[in-house]
C-alpha atoms as a PDB file:
ATOM      1  CA  MET A   1     -12.486 -15.358  21.587  1.00  0.00           C
ATOM      2  CA  THR A   2     -13.078 -14.162  18.035  1.00  0.00           C
ATOM      3  CA  THR A   3     -13.112 -10.445  17.313  1.00  0.00           C
ATOM      4  CA  PRO A   4     -16.382  -9.543  15.565  1.00  0.00           C
ATOM      5  CA  PHE A   5     -16.233  -7.983  12.118  1.00  0.00           C
ATOM      6  CA  GLY A   6     -15.782  -4.243  12.332  1.00  0.00           C
ATOM      7  CA  PRO A   7     -13.177  -1.572  12.977  1.00  0.00           C
ATOM      8  CA  GLN A   8     -11.314  -3.536  15.659  1.00  0.00           C
ATOM      9  CA  LEU A   9     -10.886  -6.653  13.502  1.00  0.00           C
ATOM     10  CA  ILE A  10      -9.840  -4.604  10.491  1.00  0.00           C
ATOM     11  CA  GLY A  11      -7.415  -2.658  12.690  1.00  0.00           C
ATOM     12  CA  GLU A  12      -5.912  -5.803  14.219  1.00  0.00           C
ATOM     13  CA  THR A  13      -5.481  -7.290  10.751  1.00  0.00           C
ATOM     14  CA  GLU A  14      -3.858  -4.119   9.417  1.00  0.00           C
ATOM     15  CA  LYS A  15      -1.512  -3.873  12.408  1.00  0.00           C
ATOM     16  CA  SER A  16      -0.428  -7.518  12.132  1.00  0.00           C
ATOM     17  CA  LEU A  17       0.190  -7.357   8.392  1.00  0.00           C
ATOM     18  CA  GLY A  18       1.856  -3.962   8.833  1.00  0.00           C
ATOM     19  CA  ALA A  19       4.310  -5.447  11.321  1.00  0.00           C
ATOM     20  CA  VAL A  20       5.296  -8.117   8.793  1.00  0.00           C
ATOM     21  CA  LEU A  21       5.681  -5.449   6.105  1.00  0.00           C
ATOM     22  CA  ARG A  22       7.816  -3.188   8.308  1.00  0.00           C
ATOM     23  CA  ARG A  23      10.191  -6.079   8.992  1.00  0.00           C
ATOM     24  CA  HIS A  24      10.856  -6.338   5.253  1.00  0.00           C
ATOM     25  CA  LEU A  25      11.018  -2.577   4.759  1.00  0.00           C
ATOM     26  CA  ALA A  26      13.723  -2.292   7.416  1.00  0.00           C
ATOM     27  CA  ASP A  27      15.894  -4.533   5.231  1.00  0.00           C
ATOM     28  CA  VAL A  28      15.675  -2.027   2.354  1.00  0.00           C
ATOM     29  CA  ASP A  29      15.657   1.168   4.451  1.00  0.00           C
ATOM     30  CA  LEU A  30      12.115   2.245   3.548  1.00  0.00           C
ATOM     31  CA  THR A  31       9.320   3.538   5.720  1.00  0.00           C
ATOM     32  CA  GLU A  32       5.765   2.339   5.267  1.00  0.00           C
ATOM     33  CA  PRO A  33       4.686   5.675   3.689  1.00  0.00           C
ATOM     34  CA  GLN A  34       7.613   5.458   1.251  1.00  0.00           C
ATOM     35  CA  TRP A  35       6.575   1.898   0.384  1.00  0.00           C
ATOM     36  CA  VAL A  36       2.989   2.973  -0.230  1.00  0.00           C
ATOM     37  CA  THR A  37       4.231   5.805  -2.451  1.00  0.00           C
ATOM     38  CA  LEU A  38       6.277   3.361  -4.538  1.00  0.00           C
ATOM     39  CA  ARG A  39       3.278   1.014  -4.777  1.00  0.00           C
ATOM     40  CA  VAL A  40       1.018   3.829  -5.973  1.00  0.00           C
ATOM     41  CA  ALA A  41       3.628   4.835  -8.569  1.00  0.00           C
ATOM     42  CA  ASP A  42       3.750   1.225  -9.756  1.00  0.00           C
ATOM     43  CA  GLN A  43      -0.043   0.936  -9.910  1.00  0.00           C
ATOM     44  CA  LEU A  44      -0.272   4.143 -11.950  1.00  0.00           C
ATOM     45  CA  SER A  45       2.575   3.172 -14.274  1.00  0.00           C
ATOM     46  CA  GLY A  46       1.679   4.132 -17.819  1.00  0.00           C
ATOM     47  CA  GLU A  47      -1.114   6.496 -16.784  1.00  0.00           C
ATOM     48  CA  ARG A  48      -0.923  10.200 -17.475  1.00  0.00           C
ATOM     49  CA  LEU A  49      -0.739  12.104 -14.191  1.00  0.00           C
ATOM     50  CA  PRO A  50      -1.618  15.717 -15.030  1.00  0.00           C
ATOM     51  CA  THR A  51      -1.178  16.879 -11.428  1.00  0.00           C
ATOM     52  CA  GLY A  52       1.692  14.521 -10.632  1.00  0.00           C
ATOM     53  CA  LEU A  53       2.151  11.559  -8.319  1.00  0.00           C
ATOM     54  CA  ALA A  54       1.946  13.390  -4.984  1.00  0.00           C
ATOM     55  CA  PRO A  55      -1.783  14.262  -5.256  1.00  0.00           C
ATOM     56  CA  GLU A  56      -2.541  10.640  -6.166  1.00  0.00           C
ATOM     57  CA  VAL A  57      -0.627   9.413  -3.115  1.00  0.00           C
ATOM     58  CA  ALA A  58      -2.342  11.995  -0.906  1.00  0.00           C
ATOM     59  CA  ASP A  59      -5.770  10.926  -2.194  1.00  0.00           C
ATOM     60  CA  ARG A  60      -5.244   7.176  -1.951  1.00  0.00           C
ATOM     61  CA  ALA A  61      -3.188   6.977   1.240  1.00  0.00           C
ATOM     62  CA  HIS A  62      -4.252  10.173   3.023  1.00  0.00           C
ATOM     63  CA  PHE A  63      -0.635  11.250   3.511  1.00  0.00           C
ATOM     64  CA  GLU A  64      -0.389  14.980   4.155  1.00  0.00           C
ATOM     65  CA  ASP A  65       3.334  14.879   3.340  1.00  0.00           C
ATOM     66  CA  ALA A  66       2.940  13.166  -0.044  1.00  0.00           C
ATOM     67  CA  ALA A  67       5.002  15.803  -1.870  1.00  0.00           C
ATOM     68  CA  GLU A  68       7.877  15.314   0.577  1.00  0.00           C
ATOM     69  CA  LEU A  69       7.628  11.530   0.235  1.00  0.00           C
ATOM     70  CA  VAL A  70       7.856  11.765  -3.547  1.00  0.00           C
ATOM     71  CA  ALA A  71      10.766  14.230  -3.330  1.00  0.00           C
ATOM     72  CA  GLY A  72      12.653  11.946  -0.939  1.00  0.00           C
ATOM     73  CA  LEU A  73      12.215   8.953  -3.231  1.00  0.00           C
ATOM     74  CA  VAL A  74      13.388  11.025  -6.199  1.00  0.00           C
ATOM     75  CA  GLU A  75      16.465  11.993  -4.175  1.00  0.00           C
ATOM     76  CA  ARG A  76      17.152   8.301  -3.484  1.00  0.00           C
ATOM     77  CA  GLY A  77      16.902   7.504  -7.191  1.00  0.00           C
ATOM     78  CA  LEU A  78      13.784   5.349  -6.821  1.00  0.00           C
ATOM     79  CA  LEU A  79      11.440   7.739  -8.657  1.00  0.00           C
ATOM     80  CA  ARG A  80      11.940  10.101 -11.579  1.00  0.00           C
ATOM     81  CA  GLU A  81       9.227  12.273 -13.120  1.00  0.00           C
ATOM     82  CA  ASP A  82       6.553  10.544 -11.002  1.00  0.00           C
ATOM     83  CA  ARG A  83       7.575   7.103 -12.273  1.00  0.00           C
ATOM     84  CA  LEU A  84       9.597   4.258 -10.819  1.00  0.00           C
ATOM     85  CA  THR A  85      13.186   4.201 -11.987  1.00  0.00           C
ATOM     86  CA  ASP A  86      14.719   0.846 -12.887  1.00  0.00           C
ATOM     87  CA  GLN A  87      16.309   0.839  -9.428  1.00  0.00           C
ATOM     88  CA  GLY A  88      12.943   1.618  -7.816  1.00  0.00           C
ATOM     89  CA  ALA A  89      11.179  -1.104  -9.794  1.00  0.00           C
ATOM     90  CA  ARG A  90      13.818  -3.695  -8.855  1.00  0.00           C
ATOM     91  CA  LEU A  91      13.575  -2.757  -5.171  1.00  0.00           C
ATOM     92  CA  LEU A  92       9.777  -2.871  -5.242  1.00  0.00           C
ATOM     93  CA  HIS A  93       9.555  -6.215  -7.014  1.00  0.00           C
ATOM     94  CA  ARG A  94      12.305  -7.829  -4.934  1.00  0.00           C
ATOM     95  CA  THR A  95      10.573  -6.721  -1.731  1.00  0.00           C
ATOM     96  CA  GLN A  96       7.172  -7.870  -3.001  1.00  0.00           C
ATOM     97  CA  ALA A  97       8.630 -11.300  -3.762  1.00  0.00           C
ATOM     98  CA  ALA A  98      10.165 -11.576  -0.286  1.00  0.00           C
ATOM     99  CA  LEU A  99       6.863 -10.513   1.280  1.00  0.00           C
ATOM    100  CA  ALA A 100       4.940 -13.053  -0.787  1.00  0.00           C
ATOM    101  CA  THR A 101       7.250 -15.825   0.383  1.00  0.00           C
ATOM    102  CA  ASP A 102       7.044 -14.726   4.017  1.00  0.00           C
ATOM    103  CA  THR A 103       3.247 -14.376   4.024  1.00  0.00           C
ATOM    104  CA  ARG A 104       2.326 -17.381   1.891  1.00  0.00           C
ATOM    105  CA  SER A 105       1.152 -19.301   4.967  1.00  0.00           C
ATOM    106  CA  ILE A 106      -1.299 -16.489   5.761  1.00  0.00           C
ATOM    107  CA  TRP A 107      -3.068 -16.721   2.401  1.00  0.00           C
ATOM    108  CA  ASP A 108      -2.663 -20.386   1.426  1.00  0.00           C
ATOM    109  CA  GLY A 109      -5.736 -22.527   1.867  1.00  0.00           C
ATOM    110  CA  LEU A 110      -8.262 -19.721   2.196  1.00  0.00           C
ATOM    111  CA  ASP A 111     -11.530 -20.644   0.500  1.00  0.00           C
ATOM    112  CA  ALA A 112     -11.915 -18.802  -2.826  1.00  0.00           C
ATOM    113  CA  ASP A 113     -15.532 -17.875  -2.069  1.00  0.00           C
ATOM    114  CA  ASP A 114     -14.508 -16.475   1.320  1.00  0.00           C
ATOM    115  CA  VAL A 115     -11.724 -14.463  -0.306  1.00  0.00           C
ATOM    116  CA  GLY A 116     -14.176 -13.102  -2.876  1.00  0.00           C
ATOM    117  CA  ALA A 117     -16.630 -12.123  -0.151  1.00  0.00           C
ATOM    118  CA  ALA A 118     -13.866 -10.445   1.865  1.00  0.00           C
ATOM    119  CA  GLU A 119     -12.747  -8.488  -1.214  1.00  0.00           C
ATOM    120  CA  ARG A 120     -16.293  -7.264  -1.835  1.00  0.00           C
ATOM    121  CA  VAL A 121     -16.951  -6.321   1.791  1.00  0.00           C
ATOM    122  CA  LEU A 122     -13.602  -4.605   2.349  1.00  0.00           C
ATOM    123  CA  GLY A 123     -13.918  -2.794  -0.986  1.00  0.00           C
ATOM    124  CA  GLU A 124     -17.295  -1.471   0.123  1.00  0.00           C
ATOM    125  CA  VAL A 125     -15.881  -0.460   3.523  1.00  0.00           C
ATOM    126  CA  VAL A 126     -13.144   1.550   1.771  1.00  0.00           C
ATOM    127  CA  THR A 127     -15.702   3.203  -0.530  1.00  0.00           C
ATOM    128  CA  ARG A 128     -17.915   4.171   2.393  1.00  0.00           C
ATOM    129  CA  ALA A 129     -14.978   5.421   4.457  1.00  0.00           C
ATOM    130  CA  ARG A 130     -13.901   7.649   1.565  1.00  0.00           C
ATOM    131  CA  ARG A 131     -17.422   9.076   1.392  1.00  0.00           C
ATOM    132  CA  VAL A 132     -17.254   9.898   5.099  1.00  0.00           C
ATOM    133  CA  LEU A 133     -13.902  11.625   4.566  1.00  0.00           C
ATOM    134  CA  GLU A 134     -15.322  13.648   1.665  1.00  0.00           C
ATOM    135  CA  ARG A 135     -18.101  14.968   3.920  1.00  0.00           C
ATOM    136  CA  ALA A 136     -15.687  16.121   6.590  1.00  0.00           C
END
């Protein structure tokens, strides 16, 4: 039986991909929130962050402990002044490469038009969910 499109399917997808991710993160002693924090730092590389990295992480990932996550990664030498250190960048890119290898069979062969449609729909779902959160 196929799960219809909606919260359950998105949740099942997120949980399955999250399990694969956590397997790789265990190898490098990172939690999923720490990983997300490093990814946000990488995505914002080169941008001026007037309020710092923690508010960006809190906004994008909805982590209430974003400041503590950033502080912990600074303590580990993976972040400095809201940016990835060389050590942090190497860890991030090495882990991304291992993940890409491990998950290639998930993404290979998907129709480009289907992928484009999924990107548009999921992007809209995220936008609408953020609007709901803003109203709360």
